[in-house]
PDB file of N, CA and C in Angstrom:
ATOM      1  N   MET A   1      -3.229  19.757  18.909  1.00  0.00           N
ATOM      2  CA  MET A   1      -3.928  19.461  17.667  1.00  0.00           C
ATOM      3  C   MET A   1      -4.128  17.952  17.536  1.00  0.00           C
ATOM      4  N   GLU A   2      -5.320  17.559  17.149  1.00  0.00           N
ATOM      5  CA  GLU A   2      -5.667  16.145  17.026  1.00  0.00           C
ATOM      6  C   GLU A   2      -5.012  15.537  15.783  1.00  0.00           C
ATOM      7  N   LYS A   3      -4.473  14.336  15.954  1.00  0.00           N
ATOM      8  CA  LYS A   3      -3.839  13.638  14.845  1.00  0.00           C
ATOM      9  C   LYS A   3      -4.914  12.954  13.996  1.00  0.00           C
ATOM     10  N   VAL A   4      -4.855  13.154  12.689  1.00  0.00           N
ATOM     11  CA  VAL A   4      -5.813  12.542  11.777  1.00  0.00           C
ATOM     12  C   VAL A   4      -5.269  11.176  11.361  1.00  0.00           C
ATOM     13  N   VAL A   5      -6.056  10.127  11.634  1.00  0.00           N
ATOM     14  CA  VAL A   5      -5.629   8.762  11.329  1.00  0.00           C
ATOM     15  C   VAL A   5      -6.732   8.049  10.553  1.00  0.00           C
ATOM     16  N   PHE A   6      -6.353   7.416   9.461  1.00  0.00           N
ATOM     17  CA  PHE A   6      -7.277   6.589   8.689  1.00  0.00           C
ATOM     18  C   PHE A   6      -6.610   5.251   8.425  1.00  0.00           C
ATOM     19  N   GLU A   7      -7.421   4.197   8.394  1.00  0.00           N
ATOM     20  CA  GLU A   7      -6.914   2.853   8.131  1.00  0.00           C
ATOM     21  C   GLU A   7      -7.822   2.148   7.147  1.00  0.00           C
ATOM     22  N   THR A   8      -7.262   1.185   6.452  1.00  0.00           N
ATOM     23  CA  THR A   8      -8.056   0.315   5.592  1.00  0.00           C
ATOM     24  C   THR A   8      -7.369  -1.039   5.519  1.00  0.00           C
ATOM     25  N   ALA A   9      -8.135  -2.042   5.182  1.00  0.00           N
ATOM     26  CA  ALA A   9      -7.591  -3.385   4.972  1.00  0.00           C
ATOM     27  C   ALA A   9      -7.689  -3.707   3.490  1.00  0.00           C
ATOM     28  N   ILE A  10      -6.637  -4.315   2.963  1.00  0.00           N
ATOM     29  CA  ILE A  10      -6.620  -4.711   1.558  1.00  0.00           C
ATOM     30  C   ILE A  10      -6.167  -6.163   1.471  1.00  0.00           C
ATOM     31  N   GLU A  11      -6.420  -6.764   0.333  1.00  0.00           N
ATOM     32  CA  GLU A  11      -5.913  -8.107   0.063  1.00  0.00           C
ATOM     33  C   GLU A  11      -5.121  -8.050  -1.235  1.00  0.00           C
ATOM     34  N   ILE A  12      -3.944  -8.645  -1.225  1.00  0.00           N
ATOM     35  CA  ILE A  12      -3.113  -8.684  -2.427  1.00  0.00           C
ATOM     36  C   ILE A  12      -3.728  -9.683  -3.404  1.00  0.00           C
ATOM     37  N   LYS A  13      -4.096  -9.186  -4.579  1.00  0.00           N
ATOM     38  CA  LYS A  13      -4.744 -10.035  -5.582  1.00  0.00           C
ATOM     39  C   LYS A  13      -3.847 -10.276  -6.784  1.00  0.00           C
ATOM     40  N   ASN A  14      -2.708  -9.595  -6.836  1.00  0.00           N
ATOM     41  CA  ASN A  14      -1.759  -9.784  -7.918  1.00  0.00           C
ATOM     42  C   ASN A  14      -1.279 -11.234  -7.906  1.00  0.00           C
ATOM     43  N   VAL A  15      -1.316 -11.880  -9.055  1.00  0.00           N
ATOM     44  CA  VAL A  15      -0.927 -13.288  -9.171  1.00  0.00           C
ATOM     45  C   VAL A  15       0.473 -13.529  -8.603  1.00  0.00           C
ATOM     46  N   HIS A  16       1.361 -12.574  -8.808  1.00  0.00           N
ATOM     47  CA  HIS A  16       2.747 -12.719  -8.363  1.00  0.00           C
ATOM     48  C   HIS A  16       3.006 -12.083  -7.001  1.00  0.00           C
ATOM     49  N   GLY A  17       1.964 -11.625  -6.346  1.00  0.00           N
ATOM     50  CA  GLY A  17       2.122 -11.002  -5.037  1.00  0.00           C
ATOM     51  C   GLY A  17       2.650  -9.581  -5.134  1.00  0.00           C
ATOM     52  N   LEU A  18       3.108  -9.070  -4.020  1.00  0.00           N
ATOM     53  CA  LEU A  18       3.619  -7.691  -3.957  1.00  0.00           C
ATOM     54  C   LEU A  18       5.116  -7.705  -4.269  1.00  0.00           C
ATOM     55  N   HIS A  19       5.441  -8.027  -5.529  1.00  0.00           N
ATOM     56  CA  HIS A  19       6.839  -8.052  -5.950  1.00  0.00           C
ATOM     57  C   HIS A  19       7.298  -6.629  -6.244  1.00  0.00           C
ATOM     58  N   MET A  20       8.466  -6.477  -6.800  1.00  0.00           N
ATOM     59  CA  MET A  20       9.104  -5.168  -6.930  1.00  0.00           C
ATOM     60  C   MET A  20       8.255  -4.139  -7.689  1.00  0.00           C
ATOM     61  N   ARG A  21       7.679  -4.505  -8.820  1.00  0.00           N
ATOM     62  CA  ARG A  21       6.944  -3.496  -9.609  1.00  0.00           C
ATOM     63  C   ARG A  21       5.700  -2.978  -8.877  1.00  0.00           C
ATOM     64  N   PRO A  22       4.807  -3.841  -8.378  1.00  0.00           N
ATOM     65  CA  PRO A  22       3.662  -3.286  -7.656  1.00  0.00           C
ATOM     66  C   PRO A  22       4.062  -2.592  -6.356  1.00  0.00           C
ATOM     67  N   ALA A  23       5.117  -3.070  -5.717  1.00  0.00           N
ATOM     68  CA  ALA A  23       5.589  -2.398  -4.502  1.00  0.00           C
ATOM     69  C   ALA A  23       6.062  -0.984  -4.841  1.00  0.00           C
ATOM     70  N   MET A  24       6.740  -0.832  -5.984  1.00  0.00           N
ATOM     71  CA  MET A  24       7.212   0.492  -6.404  1.00  0.00           C
ATOM     72  C   MET A  24       6.036   1.393  -6.751  1.00  0.00           C
ATOM     73  N   GLN A  25       4.999   0.835  -7.382  1.00  0.00           N
ATOM     74  CA  GLN A  25       3.800   1.623  -7.682  1.00  0.00           C
ATOM     75  C   GLN A  25       3.179   2.120  -6.382  1.00  0.00           C
ATOM     76  N   PHE A  26       3.102   1.244  -5.390  1.00  0.00           N
ATOM     77  CA  PHE A  26       2.525   1.595  -4.089  1.00  0.00           C
ATOM     78  C   PHE A  26       3.327   2.736  -3.457  1.00  0.00           C
ATOM     79  N   VAL A  27       4.642   2.585  -3.439  1.00  0.00           N
ATOM     80  CA  VAL A  27       5.523   3.593  -2.828  1.00  0.00           C
ATOM     81  C   VAL A  27       5.430   4.920  -3.579  1.00  0.00           C
ATOM     82  N   ASP A  28       5.346   4.868  -4.910  1.00  0.00           N
ATOM     83  CA  ASP A  28       5.219   6.101  -5.697  1.00  0.00           C
ATOM     84  C   ASP A  28       3.953   6.868  -5.307  1.00  0.00           C
ATOM     85  N   VAL A  29       2.838   6.156  -5.159  1.00  0.00           N
ATOM     86  CA  VAL A  29       1.592   6.807  -4.758  1.00  0.00           C
ATOM     87  C   VAL A  29       1.709   7.311  -3.319  1.00  0.00           C
ATOM     88  N   ALA A  30       2.221   6.487  -2.428  1.00  0.00           N
ATOM     89  CA  ALA A  30       2.351   6.871  -1.013  1.00  0.00           C
ATOM     90  C   ALA A  30       3.175   8.152  -0.858  1.00  0.00           C
ATOM     91  N   ASN A  31       4.210   8.289  -1.665  1.00  0.00           N
ATOM     92  CA  ASN A  31       5.097   9.449  -1.549  1.00  0.00           C
ATOM     93  C   ASN A  31       4.502  10.735  -2.115  1.00  0.00           C
ATOM     94  N   GLN A  32       3.303  10.663  -2.681  1.00  0.00           N
ATOM     95  CA  GLN A  32       2.617  11.867  -3.148  1.00  0.00           C
ATOM     96  C   GLN A  32       1.941  12.604  -1.991  1.00  0.00           C
ATOM     97  N   PHE A  33       1.940  11.996  -0.814  1.00  0.00           N
ATOM     98  CA  PHE A  33       1.241  12.550   0.347  1.00  0.00           C
ATOM     99  C   PHE A  33       2.233  12.879   1.450  1.00  0.00           C
ATOM    100  N   ILE A  34       1.877  13.862   2.284  1.00  0.00           N
ATOM    101  CA  ILE A  34       2.781  14.263   3.362  1.00  0.00           C
ATOM    102  C   ILE A  34       2.577  13.448   4.635  1.00  0.00           C
ATOM    103  N   CYS A  35       1.462  12.738   4.733  1.00  0.00           N
ATOM    104  CA  CYS A  35       1.186  11.955   5.937  1.00  0.00           C
ATOM    105  C   CYS A  35       2.149  10.765   6.044  1.00  0.00           C
ATOM    106  N   ASP A  36       2.257  10.221   7.250  1.00  0.00           N
ATOM    107  CA  ASP A  36       3.020   8.993   7.473  1.00  0.00           C
ATOM    108  C   ASP A  36       2.139   7.820   7.078  1.00  0.00           C
ATOM    109  N   ILE A  37       2.717   6.841   6.391  1.00  0.00           N
ATOM    110  CA  ILE A  37       1.963   5.675   5.942  1.00  0.00           C
ATOM    111  C   ILE A  37       2.689   4.417   6.378  1.00  0.00           C
ATOM    112  N   SER A  38       1.971   3.567   7.106  1.00  0.00           N
ATOM    113  CA  SER A  38       2.545   2.281   7.510  1.00  0.00           C
ATOM    114  C   SER A  38       1.678   1.158   6.950  1.00  0.00           C
ATOM    115  N   VAL A  39       2.318   0.019   6.720  1.00  0.00           N
ATOM    116  CA  VAL A  39       1.635  -1.153   6.193  1.00  0.00           C
ATOM    117  C   VAL A  39       2.001  -2.328   7.089  1.00  0.00           C
ATOM    118  N   SER A  40       0.987  -3.110   7.460  1.00  0.00           N
ATOM    119  CA  SER A  40       1.209  -4.232   8.365  1.00  0.00           C
ATOM    120  C   SER A  40       0.592  -5.500   7.802  1.00  0.00           C
ATOM    121  N   ASP A  41       1.309  -6.607   7.983  1.00  0.00           N
ATOM    122  CA  ASP A  41       0.771  -7.911   7.603  1.00  0.00           C
ATOM    123  C   ASP A  41       0.286  -8.673   8.835  1.00  0.00           C
ATOM    124  N   GLY A  42       0.211  -8.003   9.967  1.00  0.00           N
ATOM    125  CA  GLY A  42      -0.201  -8.633  11.219  1.00  0.00           C
ATOM    126  C   GLY A  42       0.978  -9.070  12.065  1.00  0.00           C
ATOM    127  N   VAL A  43       2.150  -9.137  11.446  1.00  0.00           N
ATOM    128  CA  VAL A  43       3.377  -9.510  12.157  1.00  0.00           C
ATOM    129  C   VAL A  43       4.379  -8.362  12.083  1.00  0.00           C
ATOM    130  N   LYS A  44       4.625  -7.898  10.854  1.00  0.00           N
ATOM    131  CA  LYS A  44       5.571  -6.808  10.619  1.00  0.00           C
ATOM    132  C   LYS A  44       4.819  -5.530  10.285  1.00  0.00           C
ATOM    133  N   VAL A  45       5.379  -4.404  10.712  1.00  0.00           N
ATOM    134  CA  VAL A  45       4.865  -3.091  10.334  1.00  0.00           C
ATOM    135  C   VAL A  45       6.011  -2.385   9.618  1.00  0.00           C
ATOM    136  N   VAL A  46       5.735  -1.914   8.384  1.00  0.00           N
ATOM    137  CA  VAL A  46       6.781  -1.264   7.599  1.00  0.00           C
ATOM    138  C   VAL A  46       6.328   0.111   7.139  1.00  0.00           C
ATOM    139  N   ASP A  47       7.294   0.901   6.708  1.00  0.00           N
ATOM    140  CA  ASP A  47       7.049   2.231   6.151  1.00  0.00           C
ATOM    141  C   ASP A  47       6.537   2.083   4.725  1.00  0.00           C
ATOM    142  N   GLY A  48       5.315   2.522   4.469  1.00  0.00           N
ATOM    143  CA  GLY A  48       4.716   2.411   3.146  1.00  0.00           C
ATOM    144  C   GLY A  48       5.339   3.309   2.104  1.00  0.00           C
ATOM    145  N   LYS A  49       6.287   4.149   2.512  1.00  0.00           N
ATOM    146  CA  LYS A  49       6.972   5.040   1.577  1.00  0.00           C
ATOM    147  C   LYS A  49       8.374   4.538   1.246  1.00  0.00           C
ATOM    148  N   SER A  50       8.718   3.341   1.722  1.00  0.00           N
ATOM    149  CA  SER A  50      10.046   2.771   1.506  1.00  0.00           C
ATOM    150  C   SER A  50       9.939   1.498   0.672  1.00  0.00           C
ATOM    151  N   ILE A  51      10.553   1.503  -0.515  1.00  0.00           N
ATOM    152  CA  ILE A  51      10.493   0.329  -1.374  1.00  0.00           C
ATOM    153  C   ILE A  51      11.132  -0.881  -0.692  1.00  0.00           C
ATOM    154  N   MET A  52      12.238  -0.682  -0.028  1.00  0.00           N
ATOM    155  CA  MET A  52      12.914  -1.810   0.634  1.00  0.00           C
ATOM    156  C   MET A  52      12.033  -2.420   1.719  1.00  0.00           C
ATOM    157  N   GLN A  53      11.380  -1.576   2.501  1.00  0.00           N
ATOM    158  CA  GLN A  53      10.534  -2.096   3.566  1.00  0.00           C
ATOM    159  C   GLN A  53       9.283  -2.766   3.013  1.00  0.00           C
ATOM    160  N   MET A  54       8.726  -2.226   1.948  1.00  0.00           N
ATOM    161  CA  MET A  54       7.543  -2.852   1.342  1.00  0.00           C
ATOM    162  C   MET A  54       7.874  -4.237   0.800  1.00  0.00           C
ATOM    163  N   VAL A  55       9.028  -4.378   0.184  1.00  0.00           N
ATOM    164  CA  VAL A  55       9.434  -5.675  -0.356  1.00  0.00           C
ATOM    165  C   VAL A  55       9.688  -6.676   0.777  1.00  0.00           C
ATOM    166  N   ILE A  56      10.153  -6.202   1.921  1.00  0.00           N
ATOM    167  CA  ILE A  56      10.388  -7.068   3.086  1.00  0.00           C
ATOM    168  C   ILE A  56       9.107  -7.788   3.516  1.00  0.00           C
ATOM    169  N   LEU A  57       7.951  -7.171   3.263  1.00  0.00           N
ATOM    170  CA  LEU A  57       6.687  -7.824   3.623  1.00  0.00           C
ATOM    171  C   LEU A  57       6.520  -9.166   2.909  1.00  0.00           C
ATOM    172  N   ALA A  58       7.106  -9.300   1.719  1.00  0.00           N
ATOM    173  CA  ALA A  58       6.995 -10.532   0.933  1.00  0.00           C
ATOM    174  C   ALA A  58       5.551 -11.003   0.865  1.00  0.00           C
ATOM    175  N   ALA A  59       4.648 -10.072   0.574  1.00  0.00           N
ATOM    176  CA  ALA A  59       3.221 -10.371   0.546  1.00  0.00           C
ATOM    177  C   ALA A  59       2.861 -11.131  -0.725  1.00  0.00           C
ATOM    178  N   THR A  60       2.411 -12.351  -0.559  1.00  0.00           N
ATOM    179  CA  THR A  60       1.986 -13.170  -1.688  1.00  0.00           C
ATOM    180  C   THR A  60       0.510 -12.940  -1.957  1.00  0.00           C
ATOM    181  N   ARG A  61       0.033 -13.493  -3.065  1.00  0.00           N
ATOM    182  CA  ARG A  61      -1.395 -13.374  -3.399  1.00  0.00           C
ATOM    183  C   ARG A  61      -2.224 -13.910  -2.237  1.00  0.00           C
ATOM    184  N   GLY A  62      -3.244 -13.138  -1.857  1.00  0.00           N
ATOM    185  CA  GLY A  62      -4.120 -13.535  -0.759  1.00  0.00           C
ATOM    186  C   GLY A  62      -3.730 -12.946   0.587  1.00  0.00           C
ATOM    187  N   THR A  63      -2.525 -12.351   0.677  1.00  0.00           N
ATOM    188  CA  THR A  63      -2.089 -11.734   1.924  1.00  0.00           C
ATOM    189  C   THR A  63      -2.975 -10.536   2.238  1.00  0.00           C
ATOM    190  N   LYS A  64      -3.429 -10.457   3.469  1.00  0.00           N
ATOM    191  CA  LYS A  64      -4.226  -9.316   3.914  1.00  0.00           C
ATOM    192  C   LYS A  64      -3.299  -8.332   4.612  1.00  0.00           C
ATOM    193  N   LEU A  65      -3.375  -7.086   4.188  1.00  0.00           N
ATOM    194  CA  LEU A  65      -2.539  -6.032   4.749  1.00  0.00           C
ATOM    195  C   LEU A  65      -3.413  -4.923   5.313  1.00  0.00           C
ATOM    196  N   LYS A  66      -2.897  -4.264   6.344  1.00  0.00           N
ATOM    197  CA  LYS A  66      -3.574  -3.090   6.888  1.00  0.00           C
ATOM    198  C   LYS A  66      -2.716  -1.872   6.567  1.00  0.00           C
ATOM    199  N   ILE A  67      -3.336  -0.881   5.947  1.00  0.00           N
ATOM    200  CA  ILE A  67      -2.652   0.375   5.635  1.00  0.00           C
ATOM    201  C   ILE A  67      -3.151   1.424   6.620  1.00  0.00           C
ATOM    202  N   LYS A  68      -2.220   2.126   7.233  1.00  0.00           N
ATOM    203  CA  LYS A  68      -2.557   3.169   8.204  1.00  0.00           C
ATOM    204  C   LYS A  68      -1.859   4.456   7.777  1.00  0.00           C
ATOM    205  N   ALA A  69      -2.628   5.535   7.728  1.00  0.00           N
ATOM    206  CA  ALA A  69      -2.075   6.841   7.367  1.00  0.00           C
ATOM    207  C   ALA A  69      -2.363   7.820   8.490  1.00  0.00           C
ATOM    208  N   GLU A  70      -1.342   8.601   8.861  1.00  0.00           N
ATOM    209  CA  GLU A  70      -1.473   9.600   9.927  1.00  0.00           C
ATOM    210  C   GLU A  70      -0.965  10.937   9.431  1.00  0.00           C
ATOM    211  N   GLY A  71      -1.862  11.920   9.419  1.00  0.00           N
ATOM    212  CA  GLY A  71      -1.469  13.255   8.991  1.00  0.00           C
ATOM    213  C   GLY A  71      -2.620  13.958   8.304  1.00  0.00           C
ATOM    214  N   PRO A  72      -2.374  15.193   7.861  1.00  0.00           N
ATOM    215  CA  PRO A  72      -3.445  16.025   7.334  1.00  0.00           C
ATOM    216  C   PRO A  72      -4.107  15.493   6.062  1.00  0.00           C
ATOM    217  N   ASP A  73      -3.382  14.726   5.243  1.00  0.00           N
ATOM    218  CA  ASP A  73      -3.970  14.189   4.012  1.00  0.00           C
ATOM    219  C   ASP A  73      -4.133  12.668   4.085  1.00  0.00           C
ATOM    220  N   ALA A  74      -4.318  12.169   5.296  1.00  0.00           N
ATOM    221  CA  ALA A  74      -4.407  10.722   5.519  1.00  0.00           C
ATOM    222  C   ALA A  74      -5.555  10.076   4.756  1.00  0.00           C
ATOM    223  N   GLN A  75      -6.715  10.695   4.777  1.00  0.00           N
ATOM    224  CA  GLN A  75      -7.857  10.089   4.087  1.00  0.00           C
ATOM    225  C   GLN A  75      -7.616  10.013   2.578  1.00  0.00           C
ATOM    226  N   GLU A  76      -7.067  11.063   2.010  1.00  0.00           N
ATOM    227  CA  GLU A  76      -6.776  11.061   0.580  1.00  0.00           C
ATOM    228  C   GLU A  76      -5.752   9.989   0.233  1.00  0.00           C
ATOM    229  N   ALA A  77      -4.752   9.815   1.089  1.00  0.00           N
ATOM    230  CA  ALA A  77      -3.729   8.794   0.864  1.00  0.00           C
ATOM    231  C   ALA A  77      -4.337   7.396   0.894  1.00  0.00           C
ATOM    232  N   ILE A  78      -5.158   7.131   1.893  1.00  0.00           N
ATOM    233  CA  ILE A  78      -5.808   5.824   1.999  1.00  0.00           C
ATOM    234  C   ILE A  78      -6.669   5.560   0.766  1.00  0.00           C
ATOM    235  N   ASN A  79      -7.444   6.548   0.357  1.00  0.00           N
ATOM    236  CA  ASN A  79      -8.297   6.391  -0.826  1.00  0.00           C
ATOM    237  C   ASN A  79      -7.464   6.073  -2.069  1.00  0.00           C
ATOM    238  N   ALA A  80      -6.374   6.800  -2.268  1.00  0.00           N
ATOM    239  CA  ALA A  80      -5.533   6.599  -3.448  1.00  0.00           C
ATOM    240  C   ALA A  80      -4.855   5.229  -3.430  1.00  0.00           C
ATOM    241  N   LEU A  81      -4.372   4.814  -2.270  1.00  0.00           N
ATOM    242  CA  LEU A  81      -3.696   3.525  -2.181  1.00  0.00           C
ATOM    243  C   LEU A  81      -4.668   2.368  -2.356  1.00  0.00           C
ATOM    244  N   GLN A  82      -5.855   2.510  -1.795  1.00  0.00           N
ATOM    245  CA  GLN A  82      -6.856   1.459  -1.962  1.00  0.00           C
ATOM    246  C   GLN A  82      -7.269   1.357  -3.433  1.00  0.00           C
ATOM    247  N   GLU A  83      -7.452   2.496  -4.076  1.00  0.00           N
ATOM    248  CA  GLU A  83      -7.806   2.505  -5.494  1.00  0.00           C
ATOM    249  C   GLU A  83      -6.700   1.841  -6.326  1.00  0.00           C
ATOM    250  N   LEU A  84      -5.443   2.131  -5.997  1.00  0.00           N
ATOM    251  CA  LEU A  84      -4.316   1.524  -6.708  1.00  0.00           C
ATOM    252  C   LEU A  84      -4.344   0.005  -6.571  1.00  0.00           C
ATOM    253  N   VAL A  85      -4.477  -0.484  -5.353  1.00  0.00           N
ATOM    254  CA  VAL A  85      -4.427  -1.924  -5.103  1.00  0.00           C
ATOM    255  C   VAL A  85      -5.584  -2.652  -5.786  1.00  0.00           C
ATOM    256  N   GLU A  86      -6.693  -1.967  -5.964  1.00  0.00           N
ATOM    257  CA  GLU A  86      -7.852  -2.587  -6.597  1.00  0.00           C
ATOM    258  C   GLU A  86      -7.880  -2.377  -8.113  1.00  0.00           C
ATOM    259  N   SER A  87      -6.896  -1.646  -8.662  1.00  0.00           N
ATOM    260  CA  SER A  87      -6.887  -1.361 -10.097  1.00  0.00           C
ATOM    261  C   SER A  87      -6.360  -2.549 -10.896  1.00  0.00           C
ATOM    262  N   LYS A  88      -6.832  -2.682 -12.112  1.00  0.00           N
ATOM    263  CA  LYS A  88      -6.447  -3.810 -12.967  1.00  0.00           C
ATOM    264  C   LYS A  88      -4.939  -3.900 -13.206  1.00  0.00           C
ATOM    265  N   PRO A  89      -4.231  -2.814 -13.519  1.00  0.00           N
ATOM    266  CA  PRO A  89      -2.785  -2.943 -13.737  1.00  0.00           C
ATOM    267  C   PRO A  89      -2.038  -3.466 -12.497  1.00  0.00           C
ATOM    268  N   PHE A  90      -2.527  -3.134 -11.313  1.00  0.00           N
ATOM    269  CA  PHE A  90      -1.882  -3.587 -10.090  1.00  0.00           C
ATOM    270  C   PHE A  90      -2.153  -5.072  -9.872  1.00  0.00           C
ATOM    271  N   ILE A  91      -3.369  -5.501 -10.208  1.00  0.00           N
ATOM    272  CA  ILE A  91      -3.785  -6.886  -9.983  1.00  0.00           C
ATOM    273  C   ILE A  91      -3.248  -7.797 -11.084  1.00  0.00           C
ATOM    274  N   ASP A  92      -3.331  -7.342 -12.323  1.00  0.00           N
ATOM    275  CA  ASP A  92      -2.974  -8.157 -13.484  1.00  0.00           C
ATOM    276  C   ASP A  92      -1.679  -7.610 -14.108  1.00  0.00           C
ATOM    277  N   PRO A  93      -0.548  -8.240 -13.823  1.00  0.00           N
ATOM    278  CA  PRO A  93       0.716  -7.715 -14.316  1.00  0.00           C
ATOM    279  C   PRO A  93       0.837  -7.748 -15.842  1.00  0.00           C
ATOM    280  N   ASP A  94      -0.050  -8.495 -16.520  1.00  0.00           N
ATOM    281  CA  ASP A  94       0.001  -8.549 -17.977  1.00  0.00           C
ATOM    282  C   ASP A  94      -0.916  -7.518 -18.627  1.00  0.00           C
ATOM    283  N   SER A  95      -1.591  -6.719 -17.799  1.00  0.00           N
ATOM    284  CA  SER A  95      -2.502  -5.705 -18.308  1.00  0.00           C
ATOM    285  C   SER A  95      -1.725  -4.544 -18.905  1.00  0.00           C
ATOM    286  N   ASP A  96      -2.266  -3.981 -19.962  1.00  0.00           N
ATOM    287  CA  ASP A  96      -1.621  -2.829 -20.592  1.00  0.00           C
ATOM    288  C   ASP A  96      -1.947  -1.518 -19.899  1.00  0.00           C
ATOM    289  N   GLY A  97      -2.981  -1.508 -19.089  1.00  0.00           N
ATOM    290  CA  GLY A  97      -3.382  -0.212 -18.699  1.00  0.00           C
ATOM    291  C   GLY A  97      -3.742   0.042 -17.351  1.00  0.00           C
TER     292      GLY A  97
END
């Protein structure tokens, strides 16, 4: 059976970078899917479903990350994670919504 793989590139736009709260939001969304999700900053590759590993990236504002999903719901996972990263609450920590 062929492995389904989808990838996307994102840029961290949150003023404070990928600190604990946005990292937890990312992990919460990632864990809604059964596929494997990895995130890379070009040097390190981490498990996108692990809060500790996501925080290890220490991604500051402007950091470009590659998200890779492998599995039956990979495309849906990539779409959801990209939508999250581009959403106002993720970008603007002072946003209410």
